[in-house]
Amino acid sequence: MDTLRTKLKERFGKGMNVFLGRTIINEDLWDDARRLVSDADPQIAFRAAWALQWAMEHHSLPLTDHSAHITHVFLDSRNGSVLRIYSKLLLEIMRKTDVDNKTAERIAEKAFGLLLDPQTKVAVKVWLMEILENLSAKIDYVNENLTECIERLSEAPDCSPAMTSHARRVLRRIKRKLY
């Protein structure tokens, strides 16, 4: 683990996520990389998540084989950069497999909490809206509250143009499902 941690700590230039992703696969460093995603150093955690994302997406195993790890990190992490990567991965998994009810509830609670938190970065909120939209067919309170939540966020004075644009797209999809 120390070798991988050292590589993540060094200058991280173009293509390093690919290089380290290949290293994770070729040297079977999956467990080390998974632990480093939760590292106390936010830069190490982000870089580990980025390299691990590449490895998971390019390994011979399907992404769904990593679903327990991805769900665990999503639910436990407070690192915004890690959450951006893992929210995207979680959504990909949710589109391919059915999440059990208890896990879906926990994901929805975390997603709503982060979505309403003004400290959460826009890049994370974009994936959270998608996750919640996916869960809206399964969880009644998500279905009942998501539209209002997204409208409120997109109309806030400090809402970025990117967030407003994405919110509109999600709202259009939700409204199409209703009619």
C-alpha atoms as a PDB file:
ATOM      1  CA  MET A   1       0.000   0.000   0.000  1.00  0.00           C
ATOM      2  CA  ASP A   2       2.884   2.362   0.740  1.00  0.00           C
ATOM      3  CA  THR A   3       4.127   2.152  -2.849  1.00  0.00           C
ATOM      4  CA  LEU A   4       0.723   3.035  -4.283  1.00  0.00           C
ATOM      5  CA  ARG A   5       0.283   5.811  -1.699  1.00  0.00           C
ATOM      6  CA  THR A   6       3.686   7.243  -2.652  1.00  0.00           C
ATOM      7  CA  LYS A   7       2.766   7.206  -6.341  1.00  0.00           C
ATOM      8  CA  LEU A   8      -0.517   8.974  -5.555  1.00  0.00           C
ATOM      9  CA  LYS A   9       1.333  11.599  -3.516  1.00  0.00           C
ATOM     10  CA  GLU A  10       3.845  12.409  -6.297  1.00  0.00           C
ATOM     11  CA  ARG A  11       3.215  14.915  -9.062  1.00  0.00           C
ATOM     12  CA  PHE A  12       0.020  13.766 -10.731  1.00  0.00           C
ATOM     13  CA  GLY A  13       0.210  14.710 -14.405  1.00  0.00           C
ATOM     14  CA  LYS A  14      -1.781  13.916 -17.480  1.00  0.00           C
ATOM     15  CA  GLY A  15      -2.630  10.232 -17.797  1.00  0.00           C
ATOM     16  CA  MET A  16      -1.598   9.301 -14.264  1.00  0.00           C
ATOM     17  CA  ASN A  17      -5.057   7.944 -13.480  1.00  0.00           C
ATOM     18  CA  VAL A  18      -4.681   5.574 -16.446  1.00  0.00           C
ATOM     19  CA  PHE A  19      -1.132   4.583 -15.483  1.00  0.00           C
ATOM     20  CA  LEU A  20      -2.136   3.932 -11.871  1.00  0.00           C
ATOM     21  CA  GLY A  21      -5.372   2.242 -12.938  1.00  0.00           C
ATOM     22  CA  ARG A  22      -3.328  -0.197 -15.011  1.00  0.00           C
ATOM     23  CA  THR A  23      -0.972  -0.655 -12.056  1.00  0.00           C
ATOM     24  CA  ILE A  24      -3.933  -1.516  -9.824  1.00  0.00           C
ATOM     25  CA  ILE A  25      -5.072  -4.160 -12.317  1.00  0.00           C
ATOM     26  CA  ASN A  26      -1.645  -5.590 -13.239  1.00  0.00           C
ATOM     27  CA  GLU A  27      -0.246  -5.728  -9.712  1.00  0.00           C
ATOM     28  CA  ASP A  28      -3.557  -6.696  -8.076  1.00  0.00           C
ATOM     29  CA  LEU A  29      -3.615  -3.629  -5.828  1.00  0.00           C
ATOM     30  CA  TRP A  30      -7.408  -3.522  -5.534  1.00  0.00           C
ATOM     31  CA  ASP A  31      -7.521  -3.740  -1.743  1.00  0.00           C
ATOM     32  CA  ASP A  32      -4.812  -1.090  -1.323  1.00  0.00           C
ATOM     33  CA  ALA A  33      -6.558   1.279  -3.730  1.00  0.00           C
ATOM     34  CA  ARG A  34      -9.930   0.730  -2.034  1.00  0.00           C
ATOM     35  CA  ARG A  35      -8.411   1.623   1.342  1.00  0.00           C
ATOM     36  CA  LEU A  36      -6.723   4.733  -0.081  1.00  0.00           C
ATOM     37  CA  VAL A  37     -10.049   6.064  -1.358  1.00  0.00           C
ATOM     38  CA  SER A  38     -10.832   6.719   2.313  1.00  0.00           C
ATOM     39  CA  ASP A  39      -7.408   8.202   3.129  1.00  0.00           C
ATOM     40  CA  ALA A  40      -7.301  11.159   5.527  1.00  0.00           C
ATOM     41  CA  ASP A  41      -5.409  13.170   2.902  1.00  0.00           C
ATOM     42  CA  PRO A  42      -8.155  14.385   0.532  1.00  0.00           C
ATOM     43  CA  GLN A  43      -5.742  14.591  -2.402  1.00  0.00           C
ATOM     44  CA  ILE A  44      -4.638  10.972  -1.970  1.00  0.00           C
ATOM     45  CA  ALA A  45      -8.282   9.866  -1.627  1.00  0.00           C
ATOM     46  CA  PHE A  46      -9.306  11.702  -4.801  1.00  0.00           C
ATOM     47  CA  ARG A  47      -6.392  10.383  -6.830  1.00  0.00           C
ATOM     48  CA  ALA A  48      -6.993   6.845  -5.594  1.00  0.00           C
ATOM     49  CA  ALA A  49     -10.674   7.156  -6.540  1.00  0.00           C
ATOM     50  CA  TRP A  50      -9.777   8.467  -9.986  1.00  0.00           C
ATOM     51  CA  ALA A  51      -7.280   5.662 -10.660  1.00  0.00           C
ATOM     52  CA  LEU A  52      -9.654   3.077  -9.229  1.00  0.00           C
ATOM     53  CA  GLN A  53     -12.463   4.374 -11.435  1.00  0.00           C
ATOM     54  CA  TRP A  54     -10.309   3.780 -14.494  1.00  0.00           C
ATOM     55  CA  ALA A  55      -9.337   0.321 -13.248  1.00  0.00           C
ATOM     56  CA  MET A  56     -12.945  -0.682 -12.526  1.00  0.00           C
ATOM     57  CA  GLU A  57     -14.140   0.551 -15.911  1.00  0.00           C
ATOM     58  CA  HIS A  58     -11.349  -1.204 -17.836  1.00  0.00           C
ATOM     59  CA  HIS A  59     -10.962  -4.446 -15.916  1.00  0.00           C
ATOM     60  CA  SER A  60     -12.357  -7.709 -17.245  1.00  0.00           C
ATOM     61  CA  LEU A  61     -14.896  -7.870 -14.391  1.00  0.00           C
ATOM     62  CA  PRO A  62     -18.110  -5.924 -14.916  1.00  0.00           C
ATOM     63  CA  LEU A  63     -18.527  -2.722 -12.912  1.00  0.00           C
ATOM     64  CA  THR A  64     -21.389  -4.323 -11.012  1.00  0.00           C
ATOM     65  CA  ASP A  65     -18.869  -6.669  -9.353  1.00  0.00           C
ATOM     66  CA  HIS A  66     -17.602  -3.598  -7.506  1.00  0.00           C
ATOM     67  CA  SER A  67     -21.057  -2.456  -6.384  1.00  0.00           C
ATOM     68  CA  ALA A  68     -20.588  -3.200  -2.673  1.00  0.00           C
ATOM     69  CA  HIS A  69     -17.404  -1.114  -2.555  1.00  0.00           C
ATOM     70  CA  ILE A  70     -18.883   1.727  -4.611  1.00  0.00           C
ATOM     71  CA  THR A  71     -22.036   1.879  -2.487  1.00  0.00           C
ATOM     72  CA  HIS A  72     -20.027   1.764   0.750  1.00  0.00           C
ATOM     73  CA  VAL A  73     -17.748   4.629  -0.321  1.00  0.00           C
ATOM     74  CA  PHE A  74     -20.687   6.705  -1.548  1.00  0.00           C
ATOM     75  CA  LEU A  75     -22.498   6.283   1.756  1.00  0.00           C
ATOM     76  CA  ASP A  76     -19.463   6.898   3.982  1.00  0.00           C
ATOM     77  CA  SER A  77     -17.329   9.480   2.183  1.00  0.00           C
ATOM     78  CA  ARG A  78     -17.337  13.194   2.916  1.00  0.00           C
ATOM     79  CA  ASN A  79     -14.721  14.018   0.292  1.00  0.00           C
ATOM     80  CA  GLY A  80     -16.433  15.986  -2.480  1.00  0.00           C
ATOM     81  CA  SER A  81     -13.957  14.885  -5.148  1.00  0.00           C
ATOM     82  CA  VAL A  82     -14.381  11.229  -4.236  1.00  0.00           C
ATOM     83  CA  LEU A  83     -18.163  11.657  -4.126  1.00  0.00           C
ATOM     84  CA  ARG A  84     -18.162  13.129  -7.641  1.00  0.00           C
ATOM     85  CA  ILE A  85     -16.474  10.000  -8.995  1.00  0.00           C
ATOM     86  CA  TYR A  86     -18.413   7.515  -6.863  1.00  0.00           C
ATOM     87  CA  SER A  87     -21.792   9.159  -7.518  1.00  0.00           C
ATOM     88  CA  LYS A  88     -21.225   8.630 -11.217  1.00  0.00           C
ATOM     89  CA  LEU A  89     -20.157   5.018 -10.667  1.00  0.00           C
ATOM     90  CA  LEU A  90     -23.116   4.370  -8.372  1.00  0.00           C
ATOM     91  CA  LEU A  91     -25.530   5.703 -10.988  1.00  0.00           C
ATOM     92  CA  GLU A  92     -23.997   3.408 -13.616  1.00  0.00           C
ATOM     93  CA  ILE A  93     -24.511   0.436 -11.306  1.00  0.00           C
ATOM     94  CA  MET A  94     -28.073   1.470 -10.438  1.00  0.00           C
ATOM     95  CA  ARG A  95     -28.914   1.609 -14.143  1.00  0.00           C
ATOM     96  CA  LYS A  96     -27.702  -1.988 -14.578  1.00  0.00           C
ATOM     97  CA  THR A  97     -28.913  -3.701 -11.403  1.00  0.00           C
ATOM     98  CA  ASP A  98     -31.668  -3.409  -8.850  1.00  0.00           C
ATOM     99  CA  VAL A  99     -30.628  -1.965  -5.495  1.00  0.00           C
ATOM    100  CA  ASP A 100     -32.319  -3.538  -2.473  1.00  0.00           C
ATOM    101  CA  ASN A 101     -34.855  -1.368  -0.617  1.00  0.00           C
ATOM    102  CA  LYS A 102     -32.763  -0.755   2.503  1.00  0.00           C
ATOM    103  CA  THR A 103     -29.724   0.341   0.475  1.00  0.00           C
ATOM    104  CA  ALA A 104     -31.906   2.455  -1.804  1.00  0.00           C
ATOM    105  CA  GLU A 105     -33.301   4.277   1.242  1.00  0.00           C
ATOM    106  CA  ARG A 106     -29.804   4.951   2.581  1.00  0.00           C
ATOM    107  CA  ILE A 107     -28.637   6.205  -0.825  1.00  0.00           C
ATOM    108  CA  ALA A 108     -31.677   8.491  -1.108  1.00  0.00           C
ATOM    109  CA  GLU A 109     -31.119   9.956   2.363  1.00  0.00           C
ATOM    110  CA  LYS A 110     -27.469  10.662   1.650  1.00  0.00           C
ATOM    111  CA  ALA A 111     -28.235  12.050  -1.826  1.00  0.00           C
ATOM    112  CA  PHE A 112     -30.966  14.413  -0.591  1.00  0.00           C
ATOM    113  CA  GLY A 113     -28.743  15.589   2.265  1.00  0.00           C
ATOM    114  CA  LEU A 114     -25.868  16.367  -0.084  1.00  0.00           C
ATOM    115  CA  LEU A 115     -28.138  17.895  -2.711  1.00  0.00           C
ATOM    116  CA  LEU A 116     -29.537  20.365  -0.179  1.00  0.00           C
ATOM    117  CA  ASP A 117     -26.141  21.134   1.369  1.00  0.00           C
ATOM    118  CA  PRO A 118     -24.824  24.460   0.022  1.00  0.00           C
ATOM    119  CA  GLN A 119     -21.247  23.176   0.484  1.00  0.00           C
ATOM    120  CA  THR A 120     -21.731  20.339  -2.014  1.00  0.00           C
ATOM    121  CA  LYS A 121     -20.081  21.089  -5.356  1.00  0.00           C
ATOM    122  CA  VAL A 122     -22.179  21.358  -8.515  1.00  0.00           C
ATOM    123  CA  ALA A 123     -20.407  18.387 -10.139  1.00  0.00           C
ATOM    124  CA  VAL A 124     -21.613  16.182  -7.275  1.00  0.00           C
ATOM    125  CA  LYS A 125     -25.134  17.639  -7.276  1.00  0.00           C
ATOM    126  CA  VAL A 126     -25.528  16.826 -10.963  1.00  0.00           C
ATOM    127  CA  TRP A 127     -24.957  13.110 -10.275  1.00  0.00           C
ATOM    128  CA  LEU A 128     -27.126  13.257  -7.135  1.00  0.00           C
ATOM    129  CA  MET A 129     -30.097  14.517  -9.149  1.00  0.00           C
ATOM    130  CA  GLU A 130     -29.610  11.608 -11.552  1.00  0.00           C
ATOM    131  CA  ILE A 131     -29.375   9.097  -8.700  1.00  0.00           C
ATOM    132  CA  LEU A 132     -32.536  10.456  -7.088  1.00  0.00           C
ATOM    133  CA  GLU A 133     -34.358  10.459 -10.400  1.00  0.00           C
ATOM    134  CA  ASN A 134     -33.406   6.802 -10.759  1.00  0.00           C
ATOM    135  CA  LEU A 135     -34.715   6.057  -7.243  1.00  0.00           C
ATOM    136  CA  SER A 136     -37.962   8.008  -7.717  1.00  0.00           C
ATOM    137  CA  ALA A 137     -39.766   4.975  -9.171  1.00  0.00           C
ATOM    138  CA  LYS A 138     -38.761   2.876  -6.168  1.00  0.00           C
ATOM    139  CA  ILE A 139     -39.143   5.264  -3.212  1.00  0.00           C
ATOM    140  CA  ASP A 140     -42.336   7.266  -2.772  1.00  0.00           C
ATOM    141  CA  TYR A 141     -40.892  10.197  -0.826  1.00  0.00           C
ATOM    142  CA  VAL A 142     -38.209  10.699  -3.492  1.00  0.00           C
ATOM    143  CA  ASN A 143     -40.884  10.759  -6.166  1.00  0.00           C
ATOM    144  CA  GLU A 144     -42.976  13.209  -4.124  1.00  0.00           C
ATOM    145  CA  ASN A 145     -40.166  15.639  -3.261  1.00  0.00           C
ATOM    146  CA  LEU A 146     -37.590  15.543  -6.031  1.00  0.00           C
ATOM    147  CA  THR A 147     -39.255  17.959  -8.451  1.00  0.00           C
ATOM    148  CA  GLU A 148     -39.772  20.616  -5.777  1.00  0.00           C
ATOM    149  CA  CYS A 149     -36.248  20.152  -4.463  1.00  0.00           C
ATOM    150  CA  ILE A 150     -34.665  20.559  -7.898  1.00  0.00           C
ATOM    151  CA  GLU A 151     -36.854  23.559  -8.737  1.00  0.00           C
ATOM    152  CA  ARG A 152     -35.874  25.247  -5.474  1.00  0.00           C
ATOM    153  CA  LEU A 153     -32.185  24.606  -6.080  1.00  0.00           C
ATOM    154  CA  SER A 154     -32.291  25.857  -9.674  1.00  0.00           C
ATOM    155  CA  GLU A 155     -34.092  29.053  -8.680  1.00  0.00           C
ATOM    156  CA  ALA A 156     -31.697  29.950  -5.863  1.00  0.00           C
ATOM    157  CA  PRO A 157     -29.822  33.200  -6.466  1.00  0.00           C
ATOM    158  CA  ASP A 158     -26.440  31.491  -6.120  1.00  0.00           C
ATOM    159  CA  CYS A 159     -27.271  28.658  -8.547  1.00  0.00           C
ATOM    160  CA  SER A 160     -24.645  28.306 -11.262  1.00  0.00           C
ATOM    161  CA  PRO A 161     -25.632  28.250 -14.942  1.00  0.00           C
ATOM    162  CA  ALA A 162     -24.400  24.642 -15.198  1.00  0.00           C
ATOM    163  CA  MET A 163     -26.599  23.584 -12.302  1.00  0.00           C
ATOM    164  CA  THR A 164     -29.610  25.441 -13.716  1.00  0.00           C
ATOM    165  CA  SER A 165     -29.145  23.826 -17.121  1.00  0.00           C
ATOM    166  CA  HIS A 166     -28.841  20.323 -15.730  1.00  0.00           C
ATOM    167  CA  ALA A 167     -31.760  20.843 -13.360  1.00  0.00           C
ATOM    168  CA  ARG A 168     -33.956  21.831 -16.308  1.00  0.00           C
ATOM    169  CA  ARG A 169     -33.007  18.651 -18.180  1.00  0.00           C
ATOM    170  CA  VAL A 170     -33.803  16.453 -15.195  1.00  0.00           C
ATOM    171  CA  LEU A 171     -37.106  18.257 -14.611  1.00  0.00           C
ATOM    172  CA  ARG A 172     -38.089  17.768 -18.273  1.00  0.00           C
ATOM    173  CA  ARG A 173     -37.418  14.027 -17.993  1.00  0.00           C
ATOM    174  CA  ILE A 174     -39.412  13.795 -14.755  1.00  0.00           C
ATOM    175  CA  LYS A 175     -42.356  15.646 -16.306  1.00  0.00           C
ATOM    176  CA  ARG A 176     -42.274  13.405 -19.384  1.00  0.00           C
ATOM    177  CA  LYS A 177     -42.562  10.348 -17.116  1.00  0.00           C
ATOM    178  CA  LEU A 178     -45.636  11.864 -15.470  1.00  0.00           C
ATOM    179  CA  TYR A 179     -47.497  12.411 -18.721  1.00  0.00           C
END
